[in-house]
Amino acid sequence: MAKRAKKTGHKVSKVERMERDAPAPSLERAARDTPRARPGMRLVGYCKACRCFVELDKSLADPHGHRRRDMAIIMELPVDKPIYHIPQFNWGAFLMPPIWGAGHGQVFAVVVYPMWLMVDNLLWAAIHGRASMLLAALALAGTLAFMFFYARMANYVGYMRVLTTMSPDEYCAAERKWTIACAGVAVLMAVFATWYNLAVRV
């Protein structure tokens, strides 16, 4: 490798020498680094791709093609307890992204507020013949698409934030309360916006 570096003008770096001289990882070391479940327990993992819990075998894989690298977390679960389930869609995050996001450490979700105002103004102007209905429809569709995508990722991001303090069951119980609260706020905001557009706005 040194001769090749001399011919091509490439200088062998310290990192390259370390990588070249490092011993290949042994099967014994890989087996030693692989976690094992205690008696009466089994291993389950939370997949980053499909955002669900899956059963893991001794090699930390499952029959459906999930591998160790797909797991965001790996934990033990009693053999007689059903596998955890975290919904792939969060209704609280969909109905009120700014409030849900702020309460889960995702302050950037407040960007939905100006998006709602823009959609409301475009719809009002289109209904009164002052703007394009197509433009208003596109803005509404884009906002709903963003909210849907955000709600699809919300539970994964939300649980990763509290995984050291809450079990999946505790997280889901808390999210049911968040959904009820966000639904109530969404209804109040819809009623207020309707009243404002019909009774105040001219």
C-alpha atoms as a PDB file:
ATOM      1  CA  MET A   1       0.000   0.000   0.000  1.00  0.00           C
ATOM      2  CA  ALA A   2       2.943   2.299   0.744  1.00  0.00           C
ATOM      3  CA  LYS A   3       4.345   1.677  -2.762  1.00  0.00           C
ATOM      4  CA  ARG A   4       0.988   2.446  -4.336  1.00  0.00           C
ATOM      5  CA  ALA A   5       0.778   5.656  -2.328  1.00  0.00           C
ATOM      6  CA  LYS A   6       4.217   6.674  -3.587  1.00  0.00           C
ATOM      7  CA  LYS A   7       3.298   6.093  -7.232  1.00  0.00           C
ATOM      8  CA  THR A   8      -0.022   7.921  -7.121  1.00  0.00           C
ATOM      9  CA  GLY A   9       1.201  10.753  -4.942  1.00  0.00           C
ATOM     10  CA  HIS A  10      -1.254   9.809  -2.192  1.00  0.00           C
ATOM     11  CA  LYS A  11       0.141  10.003   1.324  1.00  0.00           C
ATOM     12  CA  VAL A  12      -0.977   7.204   3.652  1.00  0.00           C
ATOM     13  CA  SER A  13      -2.692   8.827   6.611  1.00  0.00           C
ATOM     14  CA  LYS A  14      -2.538   7.702  10.204  1.00  0.00           C
ATOM     15  CA  VAL A  15      -6.179   6.642  10.074  1.00  0.00           C
ATOM     16  CA  GLU A  16      -5.542   4.487   6.995  1.00  0.00           C
ATOM     17  CA  ARG A  17      -2.572   2.811   8.675  1.00  0.00           C
ATOM     18  CA  MET A  18      -4.689   2.086  11.753  1.00  0.00           C
ATOM     19  CA  GLU A  19      -7.483   0.627   9.650  1.00  0.00           C
ATOM     20  CA  ARG A  20      -5.010  -1.475   7.648  1.00  0.00           C
ATOM     21  CA  ASP A  21      -3.255  -2.824  10.730  1.00  0.00           C
ATOM     22  CA  ALA A  22      -6.374  -3.321  12.882  1.00  0.00           C
ATOM     23  CA  PRO A  23      -7.287  -6.978  13.490  1.00  0.00           C
ATOM     24  CA  ALA A  24     -10.447  -8.247  11.907  1.00  0.00           C
ATOM     25  CA  PRO A  25     -13.397  -8.528  14.334  1.00  0.00           C
ATOM     26  CA  SER A  26     -13.743 -12.053  15.639  1.00  0.00           C
ATOM     27  CA  LEU A  27     -16.929 -14.080  15.901  1.00  0.00           C
ATOM     28  CA  GLU A  28     -16.273 -14.511  19.619  1.00  0.00           C
ATOM     29  CA  ARG A  29     -16.232 -10.753  20.173  1.00  0.00           C
ATOM     30  CA  ALA A  30     -19.401 -10.257  18.130  1.00  0.00           C
ATOM     31  CA  ALA A  31     -21.159 -12.938  20.159  1.00  0.00           C
ATOM     32  CA  ARG A  32     -19.936 -11.357  23.391  1.00  0.00           C
ATOM     33  CA  ASP A  33     -21.302  -7.932  22.383  1.00  0.00           C
ATOM     34  CA  THR A  34     -24.746  -9.331  21.477  1.00  0.00           C
ATOM     35  CA  PRO A  35     -27.204  -8.893  24.372  1.00  0.00           C
ATOM     36  CA  ARG A  36     -28.889 -11.966  25.787  1.00  0.00           C
ATOM     37  CA  ALA A  37     -32.256 -12.122  27.514  1.00  0.00           C
ATOM     38  CA  ARG A  38     -32.367 -13.235  31.138  1.00  0.00           C
ATOM     39  CA  PRO A  39     -34.319 -16.359  32.140  1.00  0.00           C
ATOM     40  CA  GLY A  40     -38.042 -15.768  31.814  1.00  0.00           C
ATOM     41  CA  MET A  41     -37.479 -12.771  29.520  1.00  0.00           C
ATOM     42  CA  ARG A  42     -37.302 -12.258  25.759  1.00  0.00           C
ATOM     43  CA  LEU A  43     -35.842  -9.538  23.560  1.00  0.00           C
ATOM     44  CA  VAL A  44     -37.976  -7.152  21.524  1.00  0.00           C
ATOM     45  CA  GLY A  45     -36.898  -4.233  19.378  1.00  0.00           C
ATOM     46  CA  TYR A  46     -38.508  -1.006  18.171  1.00  0.00           C
ATOM     47  CA  CYS A  47     -37.971  -0.762  14.413  1.00  0.00           C
ATOM     48  CA  LYS A  48     -37.058   2.653  13.015  1.00  0.00           C
ATOM     49  CA  ALA A  49     -38.461   1.901   9.571  1.00  0.00           C
ATOM     50  CA  CYS A  50     -41.920   0.507  10.358  1.00  0.00           C
ATOM     51  CA  ARG A  51     -42.186   2.157  13.808  1.00  0.00           C
ATOM     52  CA  CYS A  52     -43.401  -0.955  15.606  1.00  0.00           C
ATOM     53  CA  PHE A  53     -42.112  -3.490  18.131  1.00  0.00           C
ATOM     54  CA  VAL A  54     -40.933  -6.868  16.802  1.00  0.00           C
ATOM     55  CA  GLU A  55     -39.770 -10.118  18.373  1.00  0.00           C
ATOM     56  CA  LEU A  56     -36.018 -10.736  18.099  1.00  0.00           C
ATOM     57  CA  ASP A  57     -34.109 -14.008  17.973  1.00  0.00           C
ATOM     58  CA  LYS A  58     -30.631 -14.708  19.348  1.00  0.00           C
ATOM     59  CA  SER A  59     -28.993 -12.854  16.464  1.00  0.00           C
ATOM     60  CA  LEU A  60     -31.252  -9.831  17.075  1.00  0.00           C
ATOM     61  CA  ALA A  61     -33.197 -10.410  13.849  1.00  0.00           C
ATOM     62  CA  ASP A  62     -36.764 -11.510  13.174  1.00  0.00           C
ATOM     63  CA  PRO A  63     -38.424 -13.703  10.493  1.00  0.00           C
ATOM     64  CA  HIS A  64     -39.857 -10.658   8.697  1.00  0.00           C
ATOM     65  CA  GLY A  65     -36.512  -9.220   7.645  1.00  0.00           C
ATOM     66  CA  HIS A  66     -35.773  -6.769  10.460  1.00  0.00           C
ATOM     67  CA  ARG A  67     -32.130  -6.635  11.485  1.00  0.00           C
ATOM     68  CA  ARG A  68     -30.206  -5.251  14.432  1.00  0.00           C
ATOM     69  CA  ARG A  69     -29.346  -2.080  12.526  1.00  0.00           C
ATOM     70  CA  ASP A  70     -33.078  -1.401  12.064  1.00  0.00           C
ATOM     71  CA  MET A  71     -33.690  -1.300  15.812  1.00  0.00           C
ATOM     72  CA  ALA A  72     -33.895   2.088  17.504  1.00  0.00           C
ATOM     73  CA  ILE A  73     -33.983   0.358  20.893  1.00  0.00           C
ATOM     74  CA  ILE A  74     -33.758  -3.212  22.178  1.00  0.00           C
ATOM     75  CA  MET A  75     -35.345  -4.175  25.480  1.00  0.00           C
ATOM     76  CA  GLU A  76     -36.364  -7.159  27.545  1.00  0.00           C
ATOM     77  CA  LEU A  77     -39.979  -8.257  27.955  1.00  0.00           C
ATOM     78  CA  PRO A  78     -41.421 -11.083  30.068  1.00  0.00           C
ATOM     79  CA  VAL A  79     -42.196 -14.154  27.968  1.00  0.00           C
ATOM     80  CA  ASP A  80     -45.843 -14.166  29.085  1.00  0.00           C
ATOM     81  CA  LYS A  81     -46.486 -10.479  28.355  1.00  0.00           C
ATOM     82  CA  PRO A  82     -47.897  -9.356  24.959  1.00  0.00           C
ATOM     83  CA  ILE A  83     -45.518  -7.377  22.809  1.00  0.00           C
ATOM     84  CA  TYR A  84     -45.682  -3.606  23.116  1.00  0.00           C
ATOM     85  CA  HIS A  85     -47.691  -1.635  20.590  1.00  0.00           C
ATOM     86  CA  ILE A  86     -47.237   2.064  19.812  1.00  0.00           C
ATOM     87  CA  PRO A  87     -49.688   3.413  17.190  1.00  0.00           C
ATOM     88  CA  GLN A  88     -48.095   4.538  13.949  1.00  0.00           C
ATOM     89  CA  PHE A  89     -50.354   7.614  13.781  1.00  0.00           C
ATOM     90  CA  ASN A  90     -50.768  10.242  16.494  1.00  0.00           C
ATOM     91  CA  TRP A  91     -54.121  12.035  16.321  1.00  0.00           C
ATOM     92  CA  GLY A  92     -53.105  14.675  18.836  1.00  0.00           C
ATOM     93  CA  ALA A  93     -50.129  15.648  16.701  1.00  0.00           C
ATOM     94  CA  PHE A  94     -52.365  15.735  13.609  1.00  0.00           C
ATOM     95  CA  LEU A  95     -55.151  17.861  15.102  1.00  0.00           C
ATOM     96  CA  MET A  96     -52.945  20.387  16.906  1.00  0.00           C
ATOM     97  CA  PRO A  97     -49.301  20.124  15.770  1.00  0.00           C
ATOM     98  CA  PRO A  98     -48.173  23.400  17.410  1.00  0.00           C
ATOM     99  CA  ILE A  99     -49.499  22.474  20.865  1.00  0.00           C
ATOM    100  CA  TRP A 100     -48.508  18.807  20.689  1.00  0.00           C
ATOM    101  CA  GLY A 101     -45.067  19.676  19.330  1.00  0.00           C
ATOM    102  CA  ALA A 102     -44.390  22.306  21.993  1.00  0.00           C
ATOM    103  CA  GLY A 103     -45.351  19.813  24.683  1.00  0.00           C
ATOM    104  CA  HIS A 104     -42.998  17.179  23.258  1.00  0.00           C
ATOM    105  CA  GLY A 105     -39.897  19.277  22.707  1.00  0.00           C
ATOM    106  CA  GLN A 106     -40.608  19.994  19.021  1.00  0.00           C
ATOM    107  CA  VAL A 107     -41.105  23.746  19.043  1.00  0.00           C
ATOM    108  CA  PHE A 108     -40.604  23.960  15.270  1.00  0.00           C
ATOM    109  CA  ALA A 109     -44.197  22.667  14.884  1.00  0.00           C
ATOM    110  CA  VAL A 110     -45.456  26.215  15.580  1.00  0.00           C
ATOM    111  CA  VAL A 111     -44.829  26.807  11.874  1.00  0.00           C
ATOM    112  CA  VAL A 112     -48.289  25.287  11.339  1.00  0.00           C
ATOM    113  CA  TYR A 113     -49.904  28.401  12.834  1.00  0.00           C
ATOM    114  CA  PRO A 114     -48.913  30.718   9.940  1.00  0.00           C
ATOM    115  CA  MET A 115     -49.764  27.914   7.515  1.00  0.00           C
ATOM    116  CA  TRP A 116     -53.304  27.778   8.934  1.00  0.00           C
ATOM    117  CA  LEU A 117     -53.635  31.560   8.711  1.00  0.00           C
ATOM    118  CA  MET A 118     -52.491  31.505   5.093  1.00  0.00           C
ATOM    119  CA  VAL A 119     -54.987  28.770   4.202  1.00  0.00           C
ATOM    120  CA  ASP A 120     -57.809  30.582   6.015  1.00  0.00           C
ATOM    121  CA  ASN A 121     -57.082  33.845   4.198  1.00  0.00           C
ATOM    122  CA  LEU A 122     -56.836  32.122   0.819  1.00  0.00           C
ATOM    123  CA  LEU A 123     -60.112  30.224   1.330  1.00  0.00           C
ATOM    124  CA  TRP A 124     -61.927  33.362   2.463  1.00  0.00           C
ATOM    125  CA  ALA A 125     -60.602  35.349  -0.499  1.00  0.00           C
ATOM    126  CA  ALA A 126     -61.454  32.545  -2.958  1.00  0.00           C
ATOM    127  CA  ILE A 127     -65.029  32.234  -1.657  1.00  0.00           C
ATOM    128  CA  HIS A 128     -65.494  35.979  -2.093  1.00  0.00           C
ATOM    129  CA  GLY A 129     -63.993  35.964  -5.582  1.00  0.00           C
ATOM    130  CA  ARG A 130     -60.788  37.743  -4.642  1.00  0.00           C
ATOM    131  CA  ALA A 131     -58.350  34.862  -5.128  1.00  0.00           C
ATOM    132  CA  SER A 132     -57.958  31.636  -7.048  1.00  0.00           C
ATOM    133  CA  MET A 133     -59.877  28.668  -5.677  1.00  0.00           C
ATOM    134  CA  LEU A 134     -57.184  26.391  -7.139  1.00  0.00           C
ATOM    135  CA  LEU A 135     -54.491  28.184  -5.154  1.00  0.00           C
ATOM    136  CA  ALA A 136     -56.548  27.902  -1.985  1.00  0.00           C
ATOM    137  CA  ALA A 137     -57.146  24.187  -2.579  1.00  0.00           C
ATOM    138  CA  LEU A 138     -53.433  23.562  -3.174  1.00  0.00           C
ATOM    139  CA  ALA A 139     -52.509  25.403   0.022  1.00  0.00           C
ATOM    140  CA  LEU A 140     -55.068  23.405   1.989  1.00  0.00           C
ATOM    141  CA  ALA A 141     -53.866  20.103   0.501  1.00  0.00           C
ATOM    142  CA  GLY A 142     -50.232  20.949   1.226  1.00  0.00           C
ATOM    143  CA  THR A 143     -50.977  21.880   4.836  1.00  0.00           C
ATOM    144  CA  LEU A 144     -52.970  18.691   5.439  1.00  0.00           C
ATOM    145  CA  ALA A 145     -50.185  16.617   3.843  1.00  0.00           C
ATOM    146  CA  PHE A 146     -47.612  18.192   6.155  1.00  0.00           C
ATOM    147  CA  MET A 147     -49.829  17.532   9.198  1.00  0.00           C
ATOM    148  CA  PHE A 148     -50.354  13.920   8.123  1.00  0.00           C
ATOM    149  CA  PHE A 149     -46.623  13.299   7.657  1.00  0.00           C
ATOM    150  CA  TYR A 150     -45.886  14.933  11.011  1.00  0.00           C
ATOM    151  CA  ALA A 151     -48.473  12.756  12.766  1.00  0.00           C
ATOM    152  CA  ARG A 152     -46.978   9.629  11.161  1.00  0.00           C
ATOM    153  CA  MET A 153     -43.563  10.390  12.688  1.00  0.00           C
ATOM    154  CA  ALA A 154     -44.784  11.880  15.973  1.00  0.00           C
ATOM    155  CA  ASN A 155     -44.973   8.723  18.089  1.00  0.00           C
ATOM    156  CA  TYR A 156     -41.515   7.547  17.054  1.00  0.00           C
ATOM    157  CA  VAL A 157     -39.916  10.904  17.862  1.00  0.00           C
ATOM    158  CA  GLY A 158     -42.055  11.344  20.964  1.00  0.00           C
ATOM    159  CA  TYR A 159     -41.235   7.978  22.501  1.00  0.00           C
ATOM    160  CA  MET A 160     -37.521   8.238  21.729  1.00  0.00           C
ATOM    161  CA  ARG A 161     -37.553  11.387  23.868  1.00  0.00           C
ATOM    162  CA  VAL A 162     -38.978   9.648  26.961  1.00  0.00           C
ATOM    163  CA  LEU A 163     -37.854   6.027  26.576  1.00  0.00           C
ATOM    164  CA  THR A 164     -35.645   6.215  29.681  1.00  0.00           C
ATOM    165  CA  THR A 165     -38.494   7.436  31.910  1.00  0.00           C
ATOM    166  CA  MET A 166     -41.652   5.845  30.460  1.00  0.00           C
ATOM    167  CA  SER A 167     -42.581   2.391  29.244  1.00  0.00           C
ATOM    168  CA  PRO A 168     -44.371   2.097  25.878  1.00  0.00           C
ATOM    169  CA  ASP A 169     -47.658   1.429  27.711  1.00  0.00           C
ATOM    170  CA  GLU A 170     -47.234   4.524  29.881  1.00  0.00           C
ATOM    171  CA  TYR A 171     -46.388   6.600  26.822  1.00  0.00           C
ATOM    172  CA  CYS A 172     -49.511   5.430  24.972  1.00  0.00           C
ATOM    173  CA  ALA A 173     -51.694   6.184  28.008  1.00  0.00           C
ATOM    174  CA  ALA A 174     -50.288   9.717  28.155  1.00  0.00           C
ATOM    175  CA  GLU A 175     -50.820  10.181  24.421  1.00  0.00           C
ATOM    176  CA  ARG A 176     -54.501   9.267  24.737  1.00  0.00           C
ATOM    177  CA  LYS A 177     -54.893  12.216  27.124  1.00  0.00           C
ATOM    178  CA  TRP A 178     -52.992  14.443  24.715  1.00  0.00           C
ATOM    179  CA  THR A 179     -55.337  13.393  21.889  1.00  0.00           C
ATOM    180  CA  ILE A 180     -58.437  14.301  23.911  1.00  0.00           C
ATOM    181  CA  ALA A 181     -56.966  17.673  24.863  1.00  0.00           C
ATOM    182  CA  CYS A 182     -55.837  18.484  21.311  1.00  0.00           C
ATOM    183  CA  ALA A 183     -59.213  17.453  19.883  1.00  0.00           C
ATOM    184  CA  GLY A 184     -60.967  19.816  22.292  1.00  0.00           C
ATOM    185  CA  VAL A 185     -58.684  22.709  21.352  1.00  0.00           C
ATOM    186  CA  ALA A 186     -59.111  21.951  17.636  1.00  0.00           C
ATOM    187  CA  VAL A 187     -62.918  22.101  17.947  1.00  0.00           C
ATOM    188  CA  LEU A 188     -62.749  25.407  19.819  1.00  0.00           C
ATOM    189  CA  MET A 189     -60.428  26.901  17.203  1.00  0.00           C
ATOM    190  CA  ALA A 190     -62.656  25.714  14.345  1.00  0.00           C
ATOM    191  CA  VAL A 191     -65.733  27.257  16.017  1.00  0.00           C
ATOM    192  CA  PHE A 192     -63.902  30.523  16.635  1.00  0.00           C
ATOM    193  CA  ALA A 193     -62.576  30.714  13.058  1.00  0.00           C
ATOM    194  CA  THR A 194     -66.067  30.031  11.657  1.00  0.00           C
ATOM    195  CA  TRP A 195     -67.644  32.707  13.867  1.00  0.00           C
ATOM    196  CA  TYR A 196     -64.938  35.223  13.000  1.00  0.00           C
ATOM    197  CA  ASN A 197     -65.269  34.683   9.240  1.00  0.00           C
ATOM    198  CA  LEU A 198     -69.084  34.818   9.274  1.00  0.00           C
ATOM    199  CA  ALA A 199     -69.788  37.505  11.869  1.00  0.00           C
ATOM    200  CA  VAL A 200     -66.744  39.768  12.048  1.00  0.00           C
ATOM    201  CA  ARG A 201     -64.854  39.581   8.803  1.00  0.00           C
ATOM    202  CA  VAL A 202     -66.236  41.608   5.927  1.00  0.00           C
END
